[in-house]
């Protein structure tokens, strides 16, 4: 009887362990996996790449280079999530920054919290670094333009089907004049069937 009880407990333990195992598999970054129908990292990356490519083809860039004989400096400001779901706008802003750098014809300038951290490090160097290696205040590159934007969404549903439309709107503004020199948008529409 004792052997049967031990065997039963062992079999039960094995069954429970096997049914609770989770499988995790790495997938290629380029492989599209849209499990939930919500905004995901592929939407973020592809949207950033396409909008920055469009931004670089705008007339503002050639006009600036011809007038100033140098690359413009751009800062990525806030992109606000006004959609119906949680979207990590910081991840999208990083994708925008990466796309700007990869295009190669602008200079990217840090802003926000990152800029505060850099200024704090420079302040610390004034007391703790050798004079020959410390970085001076007042020599930052000022940005010529700031990119800002919004992510909005719309949900349309009927019975077991719904479509979710994401619209990403970006504006590039001249920091001296407040003139909007480029305006771009992209839509992603997802159909979800339950």
N, C-alpha and C. Protein backbone atom coordinates (compact mmCIF):
# COMPACT_ATOMS: atom_id res chain seq x y z
N UNK A 1 0.81 -1.19 0.00
CA UNK A 1 0.00 0.00 0.00
C UNK A 1 0.86 1.26 0.00
N UNK A 2 1.94 1.21 0.80
CA UNK A 2 2.84 2.34 0.89
C UNK A 2 3.52 2.60 -0.45
N UNK A 3 3.90 1.54 -1.18
CA UNK A 3 4.54 1.68 -2.48
C UNK A 3 3.58 2.30 -3.50
N UNK A 4 2.33 1.91 -3.44
CA UNK A 4 1.34 2.46 -4.36
C UNK A 4 1.14 3.95 -4.09
N UNK A 5 1.10 4.33 -2.83
CA UNK A 5 0.94 5.74 -2.47
C UNK A 5 2.13 6.56 -2.94
N UNK A 6 3.35 6.06 -2.74
CA UNK A 6 4.55 6.77 -3.18
C UNK A 6 4.57 6.88 -4.70
N UNK A 7 4.20 5.83 -5.41
CA UNK A 7 4.16 5.86 -6.87
C UNK A 7 3.11 6.85 -7.36
N UNK A 8 1.98 6.88 -6.71
CA UNK A 8 0.91 7.82 -7.10
C UNK A 8 1.35 9.26 -6.91
N UNK A 9 1.99 9.55 -5.78
CA UNK A 9 2.47 10.91 -5.51
C UNK A 9 3.54 11.30 -6.52
N UNK A 10 4.42 10.37 -6.87
CA UNK A 10 5.48 10.65 -7.85
C UNK A 10 4.88 10.96 -9.22
N UNK A 11 3.93 10.14 -9.66
CA UNK A 11 3.28 10.35 -10.96
C UNK A 11 2.53 11.68 -10.96
N UNK A 12 1.81 11.97 -9.88
CA UNK A 12 1.08 13.23 -9.78
C UNK A 12 2.04 14.42 -9.85
N UNK A 13 3.15 14.34 -9.14
CA UNK A 13 4.15 15.41 -9.14
C UNK A 13 4.72 15.62 -10.53
N UNK A 14 5.02 14.55 -11.23
CA UNK A 14 5.54 14.66 -12.59
C UNK A 14 4.52 15.30 -13.54
N UNK A 15 3.25 14.90 -13.41
CA UNK A 15 2.21 15.47 -14.26
C UNK A 15 2.03 16.96 -14.01
N UNK A 16 2.02 17.36 -12.74
CA UNK A 16 1.86 18.77 -12.40
C UNK A 16 3.06 19.56 -12.90
N UNK A 17 4.26 19.03 -12.71
CA UNK A 17 5.48 19.71 -13.15
C UNK A 17 5.48 19.90 -14.66
N UNK A 18 5.10 18.86 -15.39
CA UNK A 18 5.09 18.95 -16.85
C UNK A 18 4.02 19.91 -17.35
N UNK A 19 2.86 19.96 -16.70
CA UNK A 19 1.80 20.85 -17.16
C UNK A 19 2.09 22.31 -16.84
N UNK A 20 2.98 22.58 -15.89
CA UNK A 20 3.30 23.96 -15.51
C UNK A 20 4.56 24.48 -16.18
N UNK A 21 5.24 23.66 -16.94
CA UNK A 21 6.46 24.12 -17.61
C UNK A 21 6.13 25.18 -18.64
N UNK A 22 6.95 26.18 -18.70
CA UNK A 22 6.80 27.26 -19.67
C UNK A 22 7.91 27.13 -20.69
N UNK A 23 7.56 27.33 -21.93
CA UNK A 23 8.56 27.30 -23.00
C UNK A 23 8.83 28.73 -23.44
N UNK A 24 10.08 29.05 -23.58
CA UNK A 24 10.50 30.35 -24.07
C UNK A 24 11.44 30.12 -25.25
N UNK A 25 11.16 30.80 -26.33
CA UNK A 25 12.01 30.67 -27.51
C UNK A 25 12.39 32.06 -28.00
N UNK A 26 13.63 32.24 -28.33
CA UNK A 26 14.08 33.52 -28.90
C UNK A 26 13.65 33.56 -30.36
N UNK A 27 13.22 34.76 -30.78
CA UNK A 27 12.84 34.93 -32.17
C UNK A 27 13.67 36.06 -32.76
N UNK A 28 13.83 36.03 -34.05
CA UNK A 28 14.61 37.06 -34.73
C UNK A 28 13.90 38.40 -34.60
N UNK A 29 14.68 39.46 -34.50
CA UNK A 29 14.13 40.80 -34.33
C UNK A 29 13.24 41.19 -35.50
N UNK A 30 13.57 40.69 -36.67
CA UNK A 30 12.79 41.03 -37.86
C UNK A 30 11.52 40.19 -38.02
N UNK A 31 11.40 39.12 -37.24
CA UNK A 31 10.24 38.25 -37.35
C UNK A 31 9.04 38.88 -36.65
N UNK A 32 7.95 39.04 -37.37
CA UNK A 32 6.78 39.70 -36.81
C UNK A 32 5.99 38.72 -35.96
N UNK A 33 5.78 39.07 -34.70
CA UNK A 33 4.93 38.30 -33.81
C UNK A 33 3.96 39.27 -33.16
N UNK A 34 2.73 39.25 -33.61
CA UNK A 34 1.72 40.14 -33.05
C UNK A 34 0.72 39.27 -32.31
N UNK A 35 0.98 39.04 -31.04
CA UNK A 35 0.17 38.12 -30.27
C UNK A 35 -1.14 38.72 -29.79
N UNK A 36 -1.11 39.97 -29.34
CA UNK A 36 -2.27 40.56 -28.70
C UNK A 36 -3.06 41.50 -29.60
N UNK A 37 -2.44 42.00 -30.65
CA UNK A 37 -3.08 43.02 -31.47
C UNK A 37 -2.82 44.42 -30.96
N UNK A 38 -2.10 44.54 -29.85
CA UNK A 38 -1.78 45.86 -29.31
C UNK A 38 -0.48 46.37 -29.93
N UNK A 39 -0.19 47.65 -29.69
CA UNK A 39 1.07 48.28 -30.12
C UNK A 39 2.22 47.46 -29.59
N UNK A 40 3.23 47.20 -30.40
CA UNK A 40 4.37 46.40 -29.95
C UNK A 40 5.68 46.99 -30.45
N UNK A 41 6.77 46.31 -30.13
CA UNK A 41 8.10 46.84 -30.46
C UNK A 41 8.33 46.94 -31.97
N UNK A 42 7.71 46.09 -32.75
CA UNK A 42 7.87 46.16 -34.20
C UNK A 42 7.14 47.38 -34.74
N UNK A 43 5.95 47.66 -34.22
CA UNK A 43 5.24 48.88 -34.61
C UNK A 43 6.09 50.11 -34.32
N UNK A 44 6.69 50.12 -33.13
CA UNK A 44 7.52 51.25 -32.71
C UNK A 44 8.72 51.44 -33.64
N UNK A 45 9.46 50.37 -33.88
CA UNK A 45 10.68 50.46 -34.68
C UNK A 45 10.39 50.84 -36.13
N UNK A 46 9.44 50.17 -36.75
CA UNK A 46 9.12 50.41 -38.16
C UNK A 46 8.56 51.82 -38.35
N UNK A 47 7.69 52.24 -37.45
CA UNK A 47 7.12 53.59 -37.54
C UNK A 47 8.21 54.65 -37.42
N UNK A 48 9.10 54.48 -36.45
CA UNK A 48 10.20 55.44 -36.27
C UNK A 48 11.07 55.49 -37.52
N UNK A 49 11.44 54.35 -38.06
CA UNK A 49 12.30 54.32 -39.24
C UNK A 49 11.64 55.01 -40.43
N UNK A 50 10.37 54.71 -40.67
CA UNK A 50 9.68 55.28 -41.83
C UNK A 50 9.49 56.78 -41.69
N UNK A 51 9.11 57.24 -40.49
CA UNK A 51 8.88 58.67 -40.30
C UNK A 51 10.18 59.47 -40.35
N UNK A 52 11.26 58.92 -39.79
CA UNK A 52 12.53 59.64 -39.83
C UNK A 52 13.07 59.67 -41.27
N UNK A 53 12.88 58.60 -42.00
CA UNK A 53 13.29 58.60 -43.42
C UNK A 53 12.52 59.67 -44.19
N UNK A 54 11.22 59.76 -43.92
CA UNK A 54 10.40 60.79 -44.56
C UNK A 54 10.84 62.19 -44.12
N UNK A 55 11.16 62.34 -42.85
CA UNK A 55 11.62 63.63 -42.33
C UNK A 55 12.91 64.06 -43.02
N UNK A 56 13.82 63.14 -43.22
CA UNK A 56 15.10 63.46 -43.86
C UNK A 56 14.93 63.81 -45.34
N UNK A 57 13.87 63.38 -45.95
CA UNK A 57 13.66 63.71 -47.35
C UNK A 57 12.93 65.04 -47.52
N UNK A 58 12.56 65.67 -46.41
CA UNK A 58 11.86 66.95 -46.47
C UNK A 58 12.79 68.09 -46.91
N UNK A 59 12.22 69.15 -47.39
CA UNK A 59 13.00 70.29 -47.90
C UNK A 59 13.71 71.05 -46.79
N UNK A 60 13.26 70.93 -45.56
CA UNK A 60 13.87 71.66 -44.45
C UNK A 60 15.36 71.35 -44.32
N UNK A 61 15.73 70.08 -44.54
CA UNK A 61 17.11 69.65 -44.33
C UNK A 61 18.05 70.30 -45.35
N UNK A 62 17.70 70.20 -46.62
CA UNK A 62 18.53 70.84 -47.66
C UNK A 62 18.61 72.34 -47.47
N UNK A 63 17.50 72.96 -47.10
CA UNK A 63 17.49 74.41 -46.90
C UNK A 63 18.43 74.80 -45.76
N UNK A 64 18.40 74.01 -44.67
CA UNK A 64 19.27 74.33 -43.53
C UNK A 64 20.74 74.18 -43.91
N UNK A 65 21.08 73.07 -44.57
CA UNK A 65 22.48 72.80 -44.93
C UNK A 65 22.99 73.86 -45.91
N UNK A 66 22.18 74.23 -46.89
CA UNK A 66 22.60 75.26 -47.85
C UNK A 66 22.82 76.62 -47.17
N UNK A 67 21.97 76.94 -46.22
CA UNK A 67 22.06 78.24 -45.55
C UNK A 67 23.21 78.27 -44.54
N UNK A 68 23.42 77.17 -43.81
CA UNK A 68 24.37 77.17 -42.69
C UNK A 68 25.65 76.40 -42.94
N UNK A 69 25.71 75.63 -44.03
CA UNK A 69 26.89 74.84 -44.37
C UNK A 69 27.32 73.89 -43.25
N UNK A 70 26.35 73.32 -42.57
CA UNK A 70 26.61 72.33 -41.51
C UNK A 70 25.36 71.49 -41.31
N UNK A 71 25.53 70.37 -40.61
CA UNK A 71 24.39 69.52 -40.27
C UNK A 71 23.56 70.18 -39.17
N UNK A 72 22.24 70.06 -39.23
CA UNK A 72 21.43 70.60 -38.15
C UNK A 72 21.50 69.72 -36.90
N UNK A 73 21.33 70.34 -35.75
CA UNK A 73 21.26 69.60 -34.48
C UNK A 73 19.80 69.48 -34.09
N UNK A 74 19.38 68.24 -33.79
CA UNK A 74 17.98 67.96 -33.47
C UNK A 74 17.91 67.33 -32.09
N UNK A 75 16.90 67.70 -31.34
CA UNK A 75 16.61 67.08 -30.05
C UNK A 75 15.25 66.41 -30.16
N UNK A 76 15.13 65.20 -29.63
CA UNK A 76 13.85 64.51 -29.61
C UNK A 76 13.17 64.87 -28.30
N UNK A 77 12.07 65.62 -28.43
CA UNK A 77 11.30 66.02 -27.25
C UNK A 77 10.30 64.94 -26.88
N UNK A 78 9.22 65.35 -26.26
CA UNK A 78 8.22 64.38 -25.80
C UNK A 78 7.34 63.90 -26.94
N UNK A 79 7.05 62.61 -26.90
CA UNK A 79 6.01 62.01 -27.72
C UNK A 79 4.97 61.53 -26.73
N UNK A 80 3.78 62.12 -26.81
CA UNK A 80 2.73 61.83 -25.82
C UNK A 80 1.86 60.68 -26.30
N UNK A 81 1.59 59.77 -25.39
CA UNK A 81 0.68 58.67 -25.67
C UNK A 81 -0.73 59.12 -25.31
N UNK A 82 -1.55 59.34 -26.33
CA UNK A 82 -2.95 59.71 -26.12
C UNK A 82 -3.87 58.58 -26.59
N UNK A 83 -3.30 57.39 -26.71
CA UNK A 83 -4.08 56.25 -27.21
C UNK A 83 -4.90 55.63 -26.09
N UNK A 84 -5.67 54.63 -26.44
CA UNK A 84 -6.53 53.95 -25.48
C UNK A 84 -5.79 52.91 -24.64
N UNK A 85 -4.52 52.64 -24.94
CA UNK A 85 -3.79 51.61 -24.22
C UNK A 85 -2.44 52.13 -23.75
N UNK A 86 -1.81 51.36 -22.89
CA UNK A 86 -0.48 51.75 -22.42
C UNK A 86 0.53 51.52 -23.53
N UNK A 87 1.20 52.58 -23.94
CA UNK A 87 2.28 52.49 -24.93
C UNK A 87 3.49 53.15 -24.30
N UNK A 88 4.61 52.47 -24.34
CA UNK A 88 5.85 53.02 -23.79
C UNK A 88 6.40 54.04 -24.78
N UNK A 89 6.05 55.31 -24.56
CA UNK A 89 6.49 56.37 -25.47
C UNK A 89 8.00 56.54 -25.42
N UNK A 90 8.63 56.21 -24.28
CA UNK A 90 10.09 56.32 -24.19
C UNK A 90 10.77 55.37 -25.17
N UNK A 91 10.23 54.17 -25.32
CA UNK A 91 10.80 53.21 -26.27
C UNK A 91 10.69 53.77 -27.69
N UNK A 92 9.56 54.37 -28.01
CA UNK A 92 9.38 54.95 -29.34
C UNK A 92 10.34 56.11 -29.54
N UNK A 93 10.56 56.94 -28.52
CA UNK A 93 11.49 58.06 -28.63
C UNK A 93 12.92 57.55 -28.86
N UNK A 94 13.29 56.46 -28.21
CA UNK A 94 14.61 55.86 -28.45
C UNK A 94 14.72 55.36 -29.88
N UNK A 95 13.65 54.77 -30.39
CA UNK A 95 13.66 54.32 -31.79
C UNK A 95 13.81 55.51 -32.74
N UNK A 96 13.18 56.64 -32.40
CA UNK A 96 13.34 57.85 -33.22
C UNK A 96 14.80 58.32 -33.20
N UNK A 97 15.40 58.36 -32.00
CA UNK A 97 16.79 58.79 -31.89
C UNK A 97 17.72 57.89 -32.68
N UNK A 98 17.51 56.60 -32.57
CA UNK A 98 18.35 55.65 -33.31
C UNK A 98 18.20 55.86 -34.82
N UNK A 99 16.98 56.07 -35.28
CA UNK A 99 16.75 56.28 -36.70
C UNK A 99 17.39 57.58 -37.17
N UNK A 100 17.34 58.63 -36.36
CA UNK A 100 18.01 59.88 -36.71
C UNK A 100 19.50 59.66 -36.88
N UNK A 101 20.12 59.00 -35.93
CA UNK A 101 21.57 58.76 -35.98
C UNK A 101 21.93 57.90 -37.19
N UNK A 102 21.15 56.86 -37.45
CA UNK A 102 21.45 55.96 -38.55
C UNK A 102 21.33 56.64 -39.91
N UNK A 103 20.52 57.69 -40.03
CA UNK A 103 20.42 58.42 -41.30
C UNK A 103 21.70 59.19 -41.58
N UNK A 104 22.37 59.68 -40.52
CA UNK A 104 23.70 60.25 -40.65
C UNK A 104 23.80 61.70 -41.09
N UNK A 105 22.71 62.37 -41.40
CA UNK A 105 22.86 63.73 -41.88
C UNK A 105 22.34 64.79 -40.90
N UNK A 106 22.18 64.42 -39.64
CA UNK A 106 21.87 65.38 -38.59
C UNK A 106 22.72 65.05 -37.38
N UNK A 107 22.81 66.00 -36.45
CA UNK A 107 23.45 65.76 -35.16
C UNK A 107 22.35 65.64 -34.13
N UNK A 108 22.41 64.60 -33.30
CA UNK A 108 21.41 64.39 -32.27
C UNK A 108 21.92 64.96 -30.96
N UNK A 109 21.12 65.81 -30.31
CA UNK A 109 21.49 66.46 -29.06
C UNK A 109 20.61 65.88 -27.95
N UNK A 110 21.22 65.59 -26.80
CA UNK A 110 20.48 65.06 -25.67
C UNK A 110 19.57 66.11 -25.07
N UNK A 111 18.45 65.66 -24.54
CA UNK A 111 17.51 66.55 -23.88
C UNK A 111 16.95 65.92 -22.62
N UNK A 112 16.10 66.63 -21.95
CA UNK A 112 15.37 66.12 -20.80
C UNK A 112 16.26 65.63 -19.67
N UNK A 113 15.90 64.48 -19.12
CA UNK A 113 16.62 63.90 -17.98
C UNK A 113 18.06 63.53 -18.33
N UNK A 114 18.29 63.10 -19.54
CA UNK A 114 19.65 62.74 -19.95
C UNK A 114 20.55 63.98 -19.95
N UNK A 115 20.01 65.09 -20.40
CA UNK A 115 20.79 66.33 -20.40
C UNK A 115 21.09 66.76 -18.97
N UNK A 116 20.12 66.62 -18.06
CA UNK A 116 20.35 66.96 -16.65
C UNK A 116 21.46 66.10 -16.06
N UNK A 117 21.46 64.81 -16.41
CA UNK A 117 22.51 63.91 -15.91
C UNK A 117 23.89 64.34 -16.44
N UNK A 118 23.96 64.70 -17.71
CA UNK A 118 25.23 65.16 -18.29
C UNK A 118 25.72 66.42 -17.58
N UNK A 119 24.82 67.34 -17.31
CA UNK A 119 25.20 68.57 -16.62
C UNK A 119 25.67 68.28 -15.19
N UNK A 120 25.02 67.31 -14.56
CA UNK A 120 25.44 66.91 -13.22
C UNK A 120 26.84 66.30 -13.23
N UNK A 121 27.14 65.51 -14.25
CA UNK A 121 28.48 64.92 -14.37
C UNK A 121 29.52 66.01 -14.60
N UNK A 122 29.19 66.99 -15.46
CA UNK A 122 30.12 68.10 -15.68
C UNK A 122 30.38 68.88 -14.39
N UNK A 123 29.33 69.09 -13.60
CA UNK A 123 29.48 69.80 -12.32
C UNK A 123 30.38 69.01 -11.38
N UNK A 124 30.20 67.70 -11.35
CA UNK A 124 31.04 66.85 -10.50
C UNK A 124 32.50 66.89 -10.95
N UNK A 125 32.73 66.96 -12.24
CA UNK A 125 34.10 67.01 -12.75
C UNK A 125 34.83 68.29 -12.32
N UNK A 126 34.10 69.37 -12.08
CA UNK A 126 34.74 70.62 -11.68
C UNK A 126 35.50 70.46 -10.37
N UNK A 127 35.01 69.57 -9.50
CA UNK A 127 35.65 69.34 -8.21
C UNK A 127 36.53 68.09 -8.19
N UNK A 128 36.25 67.12 -9.05
CA UNK A 128 36.88 65.82 -8.90
C UNK A 128 37.74 65.34 -10.06
N UNK A 129 37.77 66.05 -11.15
CA UNK A 129 38.59 65.63 -12.29
C UNK A 129 39.79 66.56 -12.43
N UNK A 130 40.83 66.05 -13.05
CA UNK A 130 42.01 66.91 -13.28
C UNK A 130 41.64 68.02 -14.25
N UNK A 131 42.33 69.12 -14.15
CA UNK A 131 42.04 70.27 -14.99
C UNK A 131 42.19 69.94 -16.47
N UNK A 132 43.10 69.05 -16.79
CA UNK A 132 43.34 68.72 -18.19
C UNK A 132 42.24 67.83 -18.79
N UNK A 133 41.44 67.16 -17.94
CA UNK A 133 40.40 66.27 -18.48
C UNK A 133 38.98 66.73 -18.17
N UNK A 134 38.80 67.68 -17.26
CA UNK A 134 37.44 68.09 -16.94
C UNK A 134 36.80 68.84 -18.10
N UNK A 135 35.52 68.67 -18.23
CA UNK A 135 34.76 69.31 -19.31
C UNK A 135 34.16 70.60 -18.79
N UNK A 136 34.17 71.62 -19.61
CA UNK A 136 33.74 72.96 -19.21
C UNK A 136 32.25 73.16 -19.41
N UNK A 137 31.69 74.07 -18.63
CA UNK A 137 30.31 74.48 -18.81
C UNK A 137 30.21 75.47 -19.98
N UNK A 138 29.03 75.58 -20.54
CA UNK A 138 28.78 76.58 -21.57
C UNK A 138 29.24 76.21 -22.96
N UNK A 139 29.60 74.95 -23.18
CA UNK A 139 30.07 74.54 -24.50
C UNK A 139 29.15 73.50 -25.16
N UNK A 140 27.95 73.34 -24.62
CA UNK A 140 27.00 72.38 -25.21
C UNK A 140 26.59 72.83 -26.60
N UNK A 141 26.26 71.87 -27.43
CA UNK A 141 25.73 72.18 -28.76
C UNK A 141 24.24 72.48 -28.59
N UNK A 142 23.84 73.64 -29.00
CA UNK A 142 22.42 73.98 -28.95
C UNK A 142 21.68 73.33 -30.11
N UNK A 143 20.49 72.87 -29.83
CA UNK A 143 19.69 72.24 -30.88
C UNK A 143 19.09 73.30 -31.79
N UNK A 144 19.01 72.99 -33.07
CA UNK A 144 18.35 73.86 -34.04
C UNK A 144 16.86 73.55 -34.14
N UNK A 145 16.53 72.26 -33.93
CA UNK A 145 15.15 71.80 -34.09
C UNK A 145 14.78 70.85 -32.95
N UNK A 146 13.49 70.76 -32.68
CA UNK A 146 12.97 69.78 -31.72
C UNK A 146 11.87 68.99 -32.41
N UNK A 147 11.91 67.67 -32.20
CA UNK A 147 10.86 66.80 -32.73
C UNK A 147 9.94 66.43 -31.57
N UNK A 148 8.64 66.61 -31.79
CA UNK A 148 7.63 66.28 -30.79
C UNK A 148 6.49 65.57 -31.50
N UNK A 149 5.67 64.88 -30.72
CA UNK A 149 4.57 64.20 -31.36
C UNK A 149 3.56 63.59 -30.42
N UNK A 150 2.61 62.90 -31.03
CA UNK A 150 1.53 62.24 -30.31
C UNK A 150 1.26 60.88 -30.94
N UNK A 151 0.83 59.96 -30.09
CA UNK A 151 0.32 58.67 -30.55
C UNK A 151 -1.13 58.61 -30.12
N UNK A 152 -2.02 58.51 -31.10
CA UNK A 152 -3.45 58.43 -30.80
C UNK A 152 -4.00 57.13 -31.39
N UNK A 153 -5.17 56.75 -30.94
CA UNK A 153 -5.76 55.51 -31.46
C UNK A 153 -7.27 55.62 -31.51
N UNK A 154 -7.84 54.71 -32.30
CA UNK A 154 -9.29 54.61 -32.41
C UNK A 154 -9.63 53.13 -32.50
N UNK A 155 -10.67 52.72 -31.77
CA UNK A 155 -11.10 51.33 -31.77
C UNK A 155 -12.51 51.27 -32.34
N UNK A 156 -12.70 50.39 -33.32
CA UNK A 156 -14.02 50.16 -33.90
C UNK A 156 -14.28 48.67 -33.78
N UNK A 157 -15.39 48.31 -33.12
CA UNK A 157 -15.65 46.88 -32.93
C UNK A 157 -17.11 46.56 -33.19
N UNK A 158 -17.32 45.33 -33.61
CA UNK A 158 -18.65 44.80 -33.82
C UNK A 158 -18.59 43.30 -33.63
N UNK A 159 -19.38 42.83 -32.70
CA UNK A 159 -19.42 41.42 -32.33
C UNK A 159 -18.02 40.92 -32.00
N UNK A 160 -17.50 39.96 -32.77
CA UNK A 160 -16.20 39.35 -32.43
C UNK A 160 -15.04 39.93 -33.25
N UNK A 161 -15.28 41.04 -33.93
CA UNK A 161 -14.23 41.65 -34.74
C UNK A 161 -14.01 43.08 -34.28
N UNK A 162 -12.76 43.51 -34.38
CA UNK A 162 -12.48 44.92 -34.12
C UNK A 162 -11.27 45.35 -34.92
N UNK A 163 -11.24 46.62 -35.20
CA UNK A 163 -10.05 47.22 -35.81
C UNK A 163 -9.53 48.28 -34.85
N UNK A 164 -8.23 48.32 -34.75
CA UNK A 164 -7.57 49.33 -33.94
C UNK A 164 -6.68 50.13 -34.89
N UNK A 165 -6.90 51.43 -34.91
CA UNK A 165 -6.10 52.32 -35.75
C UNK A 165 -5.22 53.17 -34.85
N UNK A 166 -3.92 53.07 -35.08
CA UNK A 166 -2.95 53.91 -34.38
C UNK A 166 -2.49 54.97 -35.37
N UNK A 167 -2.48 56.22 -34.92
CA UNK A 167 -1.96 57.30 -35.75
C UNK A 167 -0.84 57.96 -34.97
N UNK A 168 0.32 58.01 -35.61
CA UNK A 168 1.49 58.62 -35.00
C UNK A 168 1.76 59.91 -35.77
N UNK A 169 1.78 61.03 -35.05
CA UNK A 169 1.97 62.34 -35.65
C UNK A 169 3.23 62.95 -35.06
N UNK A 170 4.14 63.38 -35.93
CA UNK A 170 5.38 64.02 -35.50
C UNK A 170 5.52 65.38 -36.16
N UNK A 171 6.08 66.32 -35.41
CA UNK A 171 6.36 67.65 -35.95
C UNK A 171 7.79 68.02 -35.61
N UNK A 172 8.47 68.63 -36.57
CA UNK A 172 9.81 69.16 -36.37
C UNK A 172 9.70 70.68 -36.38
N UNK A 173 10.14 71.29 -35.28
CA UNK A 173 9.97 72.73 -35.10
C UNK A 173 11.31 73.42 -34.95
N UNK A 174 11.47 74.55 -35.64
CA UNK A 174 12.66 75.39 -35.52
C UNK A 174 12.64 76.03 -34.14
N UNK A 175 13.68 75.81 -33.35
CA UNK A 175 13.71 76.32 -31.99
C UNK A 175 13.87 77.84 -31.92
N UNK A 176 14.44 78.44 -32.93
CA UNK A 176 14.61 79.90 -32.94
C UNK A 176 13.31 80.61 -33.26
N UNK A 177 12.60 80.11 -34.28
CA UNK A 177 11.43 80.84 -34.78
C UNK A 177 10.09 80.20 -34.39
N UNK A 178 10.11 78.98 -33.86
CA UNK A 178 8.89 78.19 -33.58
C UNK A 178 8.15 77.77 -34.85
N UNK A 179 8.79 77.89 -36.00
CA UNK A 179 8.18 77.48 -37.25
C UNK A 179 8.22 75.95 -37.37
N UNK A 180 7.09 75.36 -37.69
CA UNK A 180 7.04 73.92 -37.95
C UNK A 180 7.57 73.72 -39.36
N UNK A 181 8.71 73.02 -39.48
CA UNK A 181 9.35 72.86 -40.79
C UNK A 181 9.05 71.51 -41.44
N UNK A 182 8.54 70.58 -40.63
CA UNK A 182 8.16 69.27 -41.18
C UNK A 182 7.06 68.70 -40.32
N UNK A 183 6.11 68.04 -40.98
CA UNK A 183 4.98 67.41 -40.31
C UNK A 183 4.78 66.05 -40.96
N UNK A 184 4.80 65.00 -40.16
CA UNK A 184 4.61 63.66 -40.73
C UNK A 184 3.67 62.84 -39.89
N UNK A 185 3.00 61.91 -40.53
CA UNK A 185 2.15 60.99 -39.78
C UNK A 185 2.15 59.63 -40.43
N UNK A 186 1.83 58.64 -39.62
CA UNK A 186 1.75 57.26 -40.10
C UNK A 186 0.62 56.57 -39.38
N UNK A 187 -0.11 55.74 -40.10
CA UNK A 187 -1.18 54.96 -39.50
C UNK A 187 -0.84 53.48 -39.54
N UNK A 188 -1.19 52.80 -38.47
CA UNK A 188 -1.13 51.35 -38.43
C UNK A 188 -2.53 50.88 -38.09
N UNK A 189 -3.09 50.03 -38.92
CA UNK A 189 -4.44 49.52 -38.69
C UNK A 189 -4.35 48.01 -38.48
N UNK A 190 -4.90 47.56 -37.36
CA UNK A 190 -4.88 46.13 -37.05
C UNK A 190 -6.31 45.62 -36.94
N UNK A 191 -6.56 44.50 -37.60
CA UNK A 191 -7.87 43.84 -37.49
C UNK A 191 -7.69 42.63 -36.58
N UNK A 192 -8.57 42.54 -35.60
CA UNK A 192 -8.46 41.47 -34.59
C UNK A 192 -9.78 40.71 -34.59
N UNK A 193 -9.70 39.39 -34.74
CA UNK A 193 -10.89 38.54 -34.72
C UNK A 193 -10.77 37.59 -33.53
N UNK A 194 -11.83 37.50 -32.78
CA UNK A 194 -11.86 36.56 -31.63
C UNK A 194 -12.68 35.33 -31.97
